[in-house]
Amino acid sequence: MLQKNMKNVILLTTLFVMFSVILSACGPKEPALDIDAQKTGFAQTAEIQATLTAQAQPTATQTPLPTATFTPTPEITATPALTNTAQGGTTATPVIVSGSDAAAWLANDPPDKTKFDPGQEFTVTWTLENTGSSTWTTDYYIKFTFDQQMGAPEQVFLPYPVPPGTNVQISVDFIAPETAGEKRSEWKLYNANDVGFYDFYIIIEVVAAGS
């Protein structure tokens, strides 16, 4: 009886073990991981994220640089004037004269052929009009050029600026010659560059004493 029970126990145990093994073999298997599918999914996800990021960022617009415009500088031509140096030489100093120089004689006082005694001192005042387009500055001057200088200075500068359309009065001191007769003194008007542009004169009569 005891042996029969032992056999039954052993049989039941064996059946239980076998049944357990069969159940384990028949149970659902864990799904195998598809590595390629995972890689494809990761790549698609990354591509979608990159597209969304690019759409979210504003598109850069290139601003054109301004084009440089060249403006020519007007040329000014200056005629050099000569200036004395300490060594006795000369150096060119440009003096700009705007416009053109022109003049006209209006009057002189005393009038031409006024009579003077030999050696008599007298003053002549010329009235000259600026008929050009430049302004005569105080660097303009009149200069004795020909015939009788009659004790007058070599040159006399203008006393004030003379704009176009106005006139200037220039006075020069003279001494009548000792010899009788008609005397003429020629003068010229010069600009600041020592360029003469207008001639004028004075004529007097020197009379002998007692005439």
Foldseek 3Di string as FASTA:
>chain_A
DVVVVVVVVVVVVVVVVVVVVVVVVPDDDDDDDDVVVVVVVVVVVVVVVVVVVVVVDDDDDDDDDDDDDDDDDDDFDFQWAWDADPVRDTDTDTDGWPWDWDKDWDAKPPAAAAEDAAFAKDKMKTKMATQIQTKAAQLKKKAWDDWDPQPKDGIDTFPGIHGHPGIGIDMIMGTHHNDFAKGKTKMFIAGNRRDTDDIDIGIYTHDYPPD
